[in-house]
Structure formats: structure tokens, C-alpha cells
Amino acid sequence: MKNLILVFVLLFSFMVKAQSPEKDRSRQSNKEMHDKIKTLAIAYINKELNLSSEEAEKFWPLYNEVKDERDRLEKEKRKLINKLEGEFDSMTEKQAISYVDQMVQLDQKIGATNLDYNHNEIIQVIGAKRFLKLKKAELDFRRKMIREYKERRRNK
């Protein structure tokens, strides 16, 4: 009986060990895909805005700062939602109000990190006309990525 238990423990530990690298590969693959999409977006926006090297030096740090802050807040919101899901059935009304307040605050912060609210600095670098082109380029790129995603899913 002890040998049987030992065999099960060993098999289980090997199965867990064997699955770990796959999770790491999956995370790495997701990160690689995210980086690839980000690189494609940068290239697309650069092409659409036709930035000079001097403009690009000033523009990209501003743009990335806004996007990074927005991503950080979105991640914080997802964590809050995951926490809320785990506690939903047992939470009190007072706790629910606290979650609502936190969610509203995060949504307000996310809205405040939108390029539209930080447009003055960017307009000083690229001008108002190209700022409008930037907004259109972002929307067009998002649409293009969604179309390609749907097309790939259809072809699988």
C-alpha cells in the first residue's frame, strides 16, 4: 500500500512538473504576441503620422507614458474584478459599496489617462491635425487587428 501511494505521489509530481513549462511557454507566447502587436502598432502609427526623428523622440515617450498608465490601471481593475468574483456570494452590502466606489475611481482614472485628456502635450509635438490622424490610426489599427483575428479564427 505504501508503494502504491508513493507511485501516485511520484506520478502526480511528474505531471505537475511536466505542465509547468507549458504554462511558462504559454505566458511567454502571450508576452511575445503582445510585444509583436505593440511593435506593429508603433510601425503603423509612425507610418500614418509620418513622424520625423526629432518628433518621434518627443512623441513616443509621451504616448507610451499614457498607454502604460492606462494598462496599469486596467490590470488593477481586472485584479479587483477577480477579487470581487471570489467574494461575491459572501459579501455584505457595505463591502459591495466599497467595491463600487473602488471600481468608479478606477474607471475615472482610466478615463483620465485617455489620450484625449492628455492631448495638449502631444499636440505641441505633432500638431492638432496629426493628433486627429493619430486617433484615426489607432482606430484603424484596432479594426485591422480584429479583422485579422476573425479571419484566422475562420480559417482554423
N, C-alpha and C. Protein backbone atom coordinates (compact mmCIF):
# COMPACT_ATOMS: atom_id res chain seq x y z
N MET A 1 0.83 -1.19 0.00
CA MET A 1 0.00 0.00 0.00
C MET A 1 0.87 1.26 0.00
N LYS A 2 1.95 1.22 0.81
CA LYS A 2 2.84 2.37 0.85
C LYS A 2 3.48 2.61 -0.51
N ASN A 3 3.82 1.51 -1.19
CA ASN A 3 4.42 1.64 -2.52
C ASN A 3 3.43 2.26 -3.52
N LEU A 4 2.18 1.87 -3.41
CA LEU A 4 1.15 2.42 -4.30
C LEU A 4 1.00 3.93 -4.09
N ILE A 5 0.98 4.35 -2.84
CA ILE A 5 0.86 5.77 -2.53
C ILE A 5 2.09 6.51 -3.05
N LEU A 6 3.26 5.92 -2.85
CA LEU A 6 4.49 6.53 -3.33
C LEU A 6 4.47 6.69 -4.85
N VAL A 7 3.99 5.67 -5.54
CA VAL A 7 3.89 5.73 -7.00
C VAL A 7 2.95 6.85 -7.43
N PHE A 8 1.79 6.97 -6.76
CA PHE A 8 0.85 8.04 -7.10
C PHE A 8 1.45 9.41 -6.84
N VAL A 9 2.13 9.58 -5.72
CA VAL A 9 2.76 10.86 -5.40
C VAL A 9 3.80 11.21 -6.45
N LEU A 10 4.63 10.24 -6.82
CA LEU A 10 5.65 10.48 -7.84
C LEU A 10 5.03 10.82 -9.19
N LEU A 11 4.01 10.07 -9.58
CA LEU A 11 3.33 10.35 -10.85
C LEU A 11 2.71 11.74 -10.86
N PHE A 12 2.07 12.08 -9.76
CA PHE A 12 1.44 13.39 -9.66
C PHE A 12 2.49 14.50 -9.74
N SER A 13 3.60 14.33 -9.03
CA SER A 13 4.64 15.37 -9.06
C SER A 13 5.25 15.50 -10.45
N PHE A 14 5.40 14.39 -11.17
CA PHE A 14 5.91 14.45 -12.54
C PHE A 14 4.91 15.15 -13.46
N MET A 15 3.63 14.88 -13.25
CA MET A 15 2.60 15.52 -14.08
C MET A 15 2.61 17.02 -13.85
N VAL A 16 2.69 17.43 -12.60
CA VAL A 16 2.71 18.86 -12.28
C VAL A 16 3.96 19.50 -12.86
N LYS A 17 5.09 18.83 -12.69
CA LYS A 17 6.36 19.34 -13.21
C LYS A 17 6.31 19.44 -14.73
N ALA A 18 5.71 18.47 -15.37
CA ALA A 18 5.62 18.47 -16.83
C ALA A 18 4.72 19.57 -17.35
N GLN A 19 3.73 19.99 -16.56
CA GLN A 19 2.81 21.02 -17.01
C GLN A 19 3.36 22.42 -16.79
N SER A 20 4.25 22.60 -15.85
CA SER A 20 4.78 23.92 -15.55
C SER A 20 5.44 24.59 -16.74
N PRO A 21 6.35 23.92 -17.46
CA PRO A 21 6.96 24.59 -18.60
C PRO A 21 5.95 25.02 -19.66
N GLU A 22 4.88 24.25 -19.80
CA GLU A 22 3.88 24.63 -20.79
C GLU A 22 3.21 25.94 -20.40
N LYS A 23 2.93 26.09 -19.11
CA LYS A 23 2.34 27.36 -18.66
C LYS A 23 3.32 28.50 -18.90
N ASP A 24 4.60 28.25 -18.62
CA ASP A 24 5.62 29.27 -18.87
C ASP A 24 5.68 29.61 -20.36
N ARG A 25 5.62 28.57 -21.21
CA ARG A 25 5.63 28.81 -22.65
C ARG A 25 4.41 29.60 -23.08
N SER A 26 3.27 29.28 -22.47
CA SER A 26 2.04 30.00 -22.81
C SER A 26 2.15 31.47 -22.42
N ARG A 27 2.67 31.73 -21.22
CA ARG A 27 2.87 33.12 -20.79
C ARG A 27 3.85 33.82 -21.69
N GLN A 28 4.94 33.12 -22.02
CA GLN A 28 5.95 33.69 -22.89
C GLN A 28 5.35 33.96 -24.27
N SER A 29 4.57 33.03 -24.76
CA SER A 29 3.93 33.19 -26.05
C SER A 29 2.99 34.40 -26.04
N ASN A 30 2.21 34.55 -24.96
CA ASN A 30 1.31 35.70 -24.85
C ASN A 30 2.10 37.00 -24.82
N LYS A 31 3.21 37.02 -24.07
CA LYS A 31 4.04 38.22 -24.00
C LYS A 31 4.64 38.52 -25.36
N GLU A 32 5.12 37.49 -26.04
CA GLU A 32 5.68 37.68 -27.38
C GLU A 32 4.63 38.24 -28.33
N MET A 33 3.41 37.70 -28.25
CA MET A 33 2.33 38.17 -29.11
C MET A 33 1.99 39.63 -28.79
N HIS A 34 1.94 39.94 -27.50
CA HIS A 34 1.65 41.32 -27.07
C HIS A 34 2.73 42.27 -27.59
N ASP A 35 4.00 41.86 -27.46
CA ASP A 35 5.11 42.68 -27.94
C ASP A 35 5.05 42.85 -29.46
N LYS A 36 4.68 41.79 -30.15
CA LYS A 36 4.60 41.84 -31.62
C LYS A 36 3.49 42.82 -32.05
N ILE A 37 2.35 42.75 -31.38
CA ILE A 37 1.24 43.65 -31.71
C ILE A 37 1.64 45.10 -31.41
N LYS A 38 2.31 45.29 -30.29
CA LYS A 38 2.76 46.64 -29.92
C LYS A 38 3.73 47.19 -30.97
N THR A 39 4.65 46.33 -31.44
CA THR A 39 5.60 46.74 -32.47
C THR A 39 4.88 47.09 -33.77
N LEU A 40 3.89 46.27 -34.14
CA LEU A 40 3.11 46.55 -35.35
C LEU A 40 2.35 47.87 -35.22
N ALA A 41 1.80 48.12 -34.03
CA ALA A 41 1.07 49.37 -33.80
C ALA A 41 2.00 50.57 -33.93
N ILE A 42 3.18 50.46 -33.37
CA ILE A 42 4.15 51.56 -33.45
C ILE A 42 4.50 51.84 -34.91
N ALA A 43 4.77 50.78 -35.66
CA ALA A 43 5.12 50.94 -37.07
C ALA A 43 3.96 51.56 -37.85
N TYR A 44 2.75 51.09 -37.56
CA TYR A 44 1.57 51.61 -38.26
C TYR A 44 1.36 53.09 -37.96
N ILE A 45 1.45 53.45 -36.68
CA ILE A 45 1.25 54.85 -36.29
C ILE A 45 2.36 55.73 -36.85
N ASN A 46 3.60 55.25 -36.78
CA ASN A 46 4.72 56.01 -37.35
C ASN A 46 4.49 56.30 -38.83
N LYS A 47 4.04 55.27 -39.54
CA LYS A 47 3.79 55.41 -40.99
C LYS A 47 2.67 56.42 -41.24
N GLU A 48 1.59 56.28 -40.49
CA GLU A 48 0.42 57.15 -40.70
C GLU A 48 0.72 58.61 -40.34
N LEU A 49 1.50 58.82 -39.28
CA LEU A 49 1.80 60.19 -38.85
C LEU A 49 3.00 60.79 -39.57
N ASN A 50 3.80 59.93 -40.21
CA ASN A 50 4.98 60.39 -40.92
C ASN A 50 5.85 61.28 -40.01
N LEU A 51 6.22 60.72 -38.86
CA LEU A 51 6.99 61.47 -37.88
C LEU A 51 8.45 61.61 -38.29
N SER A 52 9.00 62.80 -38.08
CA SER A 52 10.44 62.97 -38.25
C SER A 52 11.12 62.34 -37.05
N SER A 53 12.42 62.13 -37.12
CA SER A 53 13.12 61.51 -35.99
C SER A 53 13.05 62.40 -34.76
N GLU A 54 13.11 63.69 -34.95
CA GLU A 54 13.01 64.64 -33.82
C GLU A 54 11.61 64.58 -33.18
N GLU A 55 10.58 64.53 -34.01
CA GLU A 55 9.21 64.43 -33.49
C GLU A 55 9.01 63.09 -32.78
N ALA A 56 9.52 62.03 -33.37
CA ALA A 56 9.36 60.70 -32.78
C ALA A 56 10.02 60.63 -31.40
N GLU A 57 11.19 61.26 -31.24
CA GLU A 57 11.88 61.30 -29.96
C GLU A 57 11.04 61.94 -28.86
N LYS A 58 10.27 62.94 -29.23
CA LYS A 58 9.43 63.64 -28.25
C LYS A 58 8.06 62.97 -28.09
N PHE A 59 7.53 62.46 -29.21
CA PHE A 59 6.18 61.91 -29.22
C PHE A 59 6.07 60.58 -28.47
N TRP A 60 6.95 59.61 -28.79
CA TRP A 60 6.79 58.26 -28.26
C TRP A 60 6.87 58.17 -26.73
N PRO A 61 7.75 58.91 -26.07
CA PRO A 61 7.72 58.86 -24.60
C PRO A 61 6.39 59.35 -24.02
N LEU A 62 5.83 60.41 -24.60
CA LEU A 62 4.53 60.91 -24.14
C LEU A 62 3.43 59.86 -24.37
N TYR A 63 3.41 59.34 -25.57
CA TYR A 63 2.40 58.35 -25.96
C TYR A 63 2.50 57.10 -25.08
N ASN A 64 3.73 56.60 -24.91
CA ASN A 64 3.93 55.39 -24.11
C ASN A 64 3.59 55.60 -22.65
N GLU A 65 3.87 56.77 -22.14
CA GLU A 65 3.53 57.07 -20.74
C GLU A 65 2.03 56.97 -20.52
N VAL A 66 1.26 57.53 -21.44
CA VAL A 66 -0.21 57.47 -21.34
C VAL A 66 -0.68 56.02 -21.45
N LYS A 67 -0.16 55.30 -22.44
CA LYS A 67 -0.58 53.91 -22.65
C LYS A 67 -0.18 53.01 -21.48
N ASP A 68 1.03 53.19 -20.95
CA ASP A 68 1.49 52.37 -19.83
C ASP A 68 0.65 52.59 -18.58
N GLU A 69 0.33 53.84 -18.31
CA GLU A 69 -0.50 54.15 -17.14
C GLU A 69 -1.90 53.55 -17.31
N ARG A 70 -2.43 53.66 -18.50
CA ARG A 70 -3.75 53.08 -18.77
C ARG A 70 -3.71 51.55 -18.59
N ASP A 71 -2.67 50.90 -19.11
CA ASP A 71 -2.53 49.45 -18.97
C ASP A 71 -2.42 49.06 -17.50
N ARG A 72 -1.66 49.83 -16.73
CA ARG A 72 -1.50 49.55 -15.30
C ARG A 72 -2.85 49.63 -14.58
N LEU A 73 -3.63 50.67 -14.90
CA LEU A 73 -4.94 50.83 -14.27
C LEU A 73 -5.91 49.74 -14.70
N GLU A 74 -5.86 49.35 -15.96
CA GLU A 74 -6.72 48.25 -16.45
C GLU A 74 -6.39 46.95 -15.73
N LYS A 75 -5.09 46.70 -15.51
CA LYS A 75 -4.66 45.50 -14.79
C LYS A 75 -5.17 45.54 -13.35
N GLU A 76 -5.08 46.71 -12.73
CA GLU A 76 -5.58 46.88 -11.37
C GLU A 76 -7.09 46.62 -11.31
N LYS A 77 -7.81 47.07 -12.32
CA LYS A 77 -9.25 46.85 -12.39
C LYS A 77 -9.57 45.36 -12.54
N ARG A 78 -8.81 44.65 -13.39
CA ARG A 78 -9.03 43.21 -13.56
C ARG A 78 -8.79 42.47 -12.24
N LYS A 79 -7.75 42.88 -11.51
CA LYS A 79 -7.47 42.25 -10.21
C LYS A 79 -8.63 42.48 -9.25
N LEU A 80 -9.17 43.68 -9.25
CA LEU A 80 -10.30 43.99 -8.38
C LEU A 80 -11.51 43.15 -8.76
N ILE A 81 -11.76 43.00 -10.04
CA ILE A 81 -12.89 42.19 -10.50
C ILE A 81 -12.70 40.73 -10.10
N ASN A 82 -11.48 40.21 -10.25
CA ASN A 82 -11.21 38.82 -9.84
C ASN A 82 -11.42 38.65 -8.35
N LYS A 83 -10.98 39.61 -7.57
CA LYS A 83 -11.17 39.55 -6.12
C LYS A 83 -12.66 39.60 -5.79
N LEU A 84 -13.38 40.46 -6.47
CA LEU A 84 -14.82 40.61 -6.26
C LEU A 84 -15.55 39.32 -6.59
N GLU A 85 -15.18 38.65 -7.67
CA GLU A 85 -15.83 37.40 -8.06
C GLU A 85 -15.68 36.34 -6.98
N GLY A 86 -14.52 36.30 -6.34
CA GLY A 86 -14.29 35.30 -5.30
C GLY A 86 -15.08 35.57 -4.02
N GLU A 87 -15.42 36.81 -3.78
CA GLU A 87 -16.11 37.18 -2.55
C GLU A 87 -17.58 37.53 -2.75
N PHE A 88 -18.06 37.46 -3.99
CA PHE A 88 -19.39 37.97 -4.31
C PHE A 88 -20.51 37.37 -3.46
N ASP A 89 -20.54 36.07 -3.33
CA ASP A 89 -21.65 35.41 -2.62
C ASP A 89 -21.64 35.72 -1.12
N SER A 90 -20.49 35.97 -0.55
CA SER A 90 -20.42 36.18 0.90
C SER A 90 -20.29 37.64 1.32
N MET A 91 -20.24 38.57 0.36
CA MET A 91 -20.01 39.97 0.73
C MET A 91 -21.27 40.63 1.29
N THR A 92 -21.02 41.60 2.14
CA THR A 92 -22.10 42.38 2.73
C THR A 92 -22.41 43.56 1.82
N GLU A 93 -23.47 44.24 2.10
CA GLU A 93 -23.84 45.43 1.32
C GLU A 93 -22.77 46.51 1.46
N LYS A 94 -22.22 46.62 2.66
CA LYS A 94 -21.17 47.62 2.92
C LYS A 94 -19.93 47.32 2.07
N GLN A 95 -19.56 46.03 1.99
CA GLN A 95 -18.41 45.65 1.17
C GLN A 95 -18.71 45.90 -0.31
N ALA A 96 -19.94 45.65 -0.73
CA ALA A 96 -20.33 45.89 -2.12
C ALA A 96 -20.20 47.37 -2.46
N ILE A 97 -20.62 48.23 -1.54
CA ILE A 97 -20.50 49.68 -1.76
C ILE A 97 -19.03 50.06 -1.91
N SER A 98 -18.18 49.46 -1.08
CA SER A 98 -16.75 49.73 -1.16
C SER A 98 -16.20 49.32 -2.53
N TYR A 99 -16.61 48.14 -3.03
CA TYR A 99 -16.18 47.70 -4.35
C TYR A 99 -16.68 48.64 -5.45
N VAL A 100 -17.91 49.08 -5.33
CA VAL A 100 -18.47 50.01 -6.32
C VAL A 100 -17.63 51.29 -6.34
N ASP A 101 -17.32 51.82 -5.16
CA ASP A 101 -16.53 53.04 -5.07
C ASP A 101 -15.15 52.86 -5.70
N GLN A 102 -14.51 51.72 -5.41
CA GLN A 102 -13.19 51.44 -5.98
C GLN A 102 -13.26 51.33 -7.50
N MET A 103 -14.32 50.67 -7.98
CA MET A 103 -14.49 50.48 -9.42
C MET A 103 -14.71 51.83 -10.12
N VAL A 104 -15.54 52.69 -9.52
CA VAL A 104 -15.82 54.01 -10.10
C VAL A 104 -14.53 54.84 -10.13
N GLN A 105 -13.75 54.79 -9.05
CA GLN A 105 -12.49 55.54 -9.01
C GLN A 105 -11.53 55.06 -10.10
N LEU A 106 -11.44 53.75 -10.26
CA LEU A 106 -10.55 53.21 -11.30
C LEU A 106 -11.03 53.62 -12.69
N ASP A 107 -12.34 53.55 -12.92
CA ASP A 107 -12.88 53.95 -14.23
C ASP A 107 -12.59 55.42 -14.51
N GLN A 108 -12.68 56.27 -13.48
CA GLN A 108 -12.38 57.69 -13.66
C GLN A 108 -10.90 57.90 -13.98
N LYS A 109 -10.03 57.17 -13.29
CA LYS A 109 -8.60 57.27 -13.55
C LYS A 109 -8.27 56.77 -14.96
N ILE A 110 -8.92 55.69 -15.36
CA ILE A 110 -8.69 55.15 -16.70
C ILE A 110 -9.12 56.18 -17.75
N GLY A 111 -10.25 56.81 -17.53
CA GLY A 111 -10.71 57.85 -18.44
C GLY A 111 -9.74 59.01 -18.50
N ALA A 112 -9.16 59.36 -17.36
CA ALA A 112 -8.22 60.48 -17.30
C ALA A 112 -6.89 60.16 -17.98
N THR A 113 -6.59 58.89 -18.20
CA THR A 113 -5.35 58.53 -18.88
C THR A 113 -5.55 58.38 -20.38
N ASN A 114 -6.72 58.71 -20.86
CA ASN A 114 -7.00 58.65 -22.27
C ASN A 114 -6.20 59.73 -22.99
N LEU A 115 -5.79 59.47 -24.21
CA LEU A 115 -5.05 60.46 -24.98
C LEU A 115 -5.83 61.77 -25.12
N ASP A 116 -7.14 61.67 -25.15
CA ASP A 116 -7.96 62.87 -25.31
C ASP A 116 -7.75 63.86 -24.16
N TYR A 117 -7.51 63.34 -22.96
CA TYR A 117 -7.32 64.21 -21.80
C TYR A 117 -5.88 64.70 -21.69
N ASN A 118 -4.97 64.06 -22.39
CA ASN A 118 -3.56 64.44 -22.38
C ASN A 118 -3.12 64.96 -23.74
N HIS A 119 -4.07 65.52 -24.46
CA HIS A 119 -3.79 65.89 -25.84
C HIS A 119 -2.92 67.13 -26.01
N ASN A 120 -2.94 68.04 -25.07
CA ASN A 120 -2.19 69.30 -25.25
C ASN A 120 -0.69 69.08 -25.45
N GLU A 121 -0.09 68.22 -24.63
CA GLU A 121 1.35 67.95 -24.77
C GLU A 121 1.66 67.30 -26.12
N ILE A 122 0.81 66.36 -26.51
CA ILE A 122 1.03 65.66 -27.77
C ILE A 122 0.84 66.60 -28.95
N ILE A 123 -0.16 67.47 -28.86
CA ILE A 123 -0.41 68.44 -29.94
C ILE A 123 0.78 69.39 -30.08
N GLN A 124 1.42 69.74 -28.97
CA GLN A 124 2.60 70.61 -29.05
C GLN A 124 3.72 69.95 -29.85
N VAL A 125 3.77 68.64 -29.83
CA VAL A 125 4.83 67.91 -30.54
C VAL A 125 4.45 67.65 -31.99
N ILE A 126 3.22 67.18 -32.23
CA ILE A 126 2.87 66.74 -33.60
C ILE A 126 1.82 67.62 -34.29
N GLY A 127 1.21 68.54 -33.56
CA GLY A 127 0.19 69.40 -34.15
C GLY A 127 -1.19 68.78 -34.06
N ALA A 128 -2.21 69.63 -34.15
CA ALA A 128 -3.60 69.19 -33.98
C ALA A 128 -4.05 68.28 -35.11
N LYS A 129 -3.64 68.60 -36.33
CA LYS A 129 -4.07 67.81 -37.47
C LYS A 129 -3.54 66.37 -37.37
N ARG A 130 -2.27 66.23 -37.00
CA ARG A 130 -1.72 64.89 -36.86
C ARG A 130 -2.22 64.19 -35.59
N PHE A 131 -2.64 64.97 -34.60
CA PHE A 131 -3.28 64.34 -33.44
C PHE A 131 -4.55 63.64 -33.87
N LEU A 132 -5.33 64.30 -34.74
CA LEU A 132 -6.54 63.67 -35.27
C LEU A 132 -6.18 62.43 -36.10
N LYS A 133 -5.08 62.52 -36.86
CA LYS A 133 -4.61 61.36 -37.61
C LYS A 133 -4.22 60.23 -36.67
N LEU A 134 -3.63 60.57 -35.53
CA LEU A 134 -3.26 59.58 -34.52
C LEU A 134 -4.49 58.84 -34.03
N LYS A 135 -5.53 59.58 -33.70
CA LYS A 135 -6.77 58.96 -33.22
C LYS A 135 -7.33 58.02 -34.29
N LYS A 136 -7.32 58.46 -35.54
CA LYS A 136 -7.82 57.63 -36.63
C LYS A 136 -6.92 56.41 -36.83
N ALA A 137 -5.61 56.59 -36.75
CA ALA A 137 -4.66 55.48 -36.94
C ALA A 137 -4.85 54.42 -35.86
N GLU A 138 -5.07 54.84 -34.62
CA GLU A 138 -5.31 53.88 -33.54
C GLU A 138 -6.57 53.07 -33.81
N LEU A 139 -7.62 53.75 -34.21
CA LEU A 139 -8.89 53.08 -34.51
C LEU A 139 -8.74 52.14 -35.70
N ASP A 140 -8.09 52.61 -36.75
CA ASP A 140 -7.88 51.77 -37.94
C ASP A 140 -7.04 50.54 -37.61
N PHE A 141 -6.00 50.73 -36.80
CA PHE A 141 -5.14 49.60 -36.43
C PHE A 141 -5.94 48.58 -35.62
N ARG A 142 -6.74 49.05 -34.68
CA ARG A 142 -7.56 48.14 -33.87
C ARG A 142 -8.52 47.35 -34.76
N ARG A 143 -9.15 48.04 -35.70
CA ARG A 143 -10.07 47.36 -36.63
C ARG A 143 -9.34 46.32 -37.47
N LYS A 144 -8.15 46.70 -37.94
CA LYS A 144 -7.35 45.78 -38.75
C LYS A 144 -6.99 44.54 -37.95
N MET A 145 -6.59 44.70 -36.70
CA MET A 145 -6.23 43.56 -35.87
C MET A 145 -7.44 42.66 -35.61
N ILE A 146 -8.58 43.25 -35.38
CA ILE A 146 -9.81 42.47 -35.14
C ILE A 146 -10.19 41.70 -36.40
N ARG A 147 -10.09 42.34 -37.55
CA ARG A 147 -10.39 41.65 -38.82
C ARG A 147 -9.46 40.47 -39.02
N GLU A 148 -8.17 40.68 -38.80
CA GLU A 148 -7.20 39.59 -38.97
C GLU A 148 -7.46 38.46 -37.98
N TYR A 149 -7.81 38.81 -36.76
CA TYR A 149 -8.11 37.80 -35.75
C TYR A 149 -9.32 36.97 -36.18
N LYS A 150 -10.37 37.63 -36.62
CA LYS A 150 -11.56 36.92 -37.07
C LYS A 150 -11.25 36.04 -38.27
N GLU A 151 -10.44 36.54 -39.19
CA GLU A 151 -10.07 35.79 -40.38
C GLU A 151 -9.28 34.52 -39.99
N ARG A 152 -8.37 34.65 -39.06
CA ARG A 152 -7.59 33.49 -38.62
C ARG A 152 -8.46 32.47 -37.91
N ARG A 153 -9.41 32.93 -37.12
CA ARG A 153 -10.32 32.00 -36.43
C ARG A 153 -11.20 31.27 -37.44
N ARG A 154 -11.60 31.98 -38.47
CA ARG A 154 -12.45 31.38 -39.51
C ARG A 154 -11.69 30.31 -40.28
N ASN A 155 -10.39 30.53 -40.48
CA ASN A 155 -9.57 29.60 -41.27
C ASN A 155 -9.07 28.41 -40.46
N LYS A 156 -9.30 28.37 -39.17
CA LYS A 156 -8.83 27.24 -38.36
C LYS A 156 -9.75 26.06 -38.45
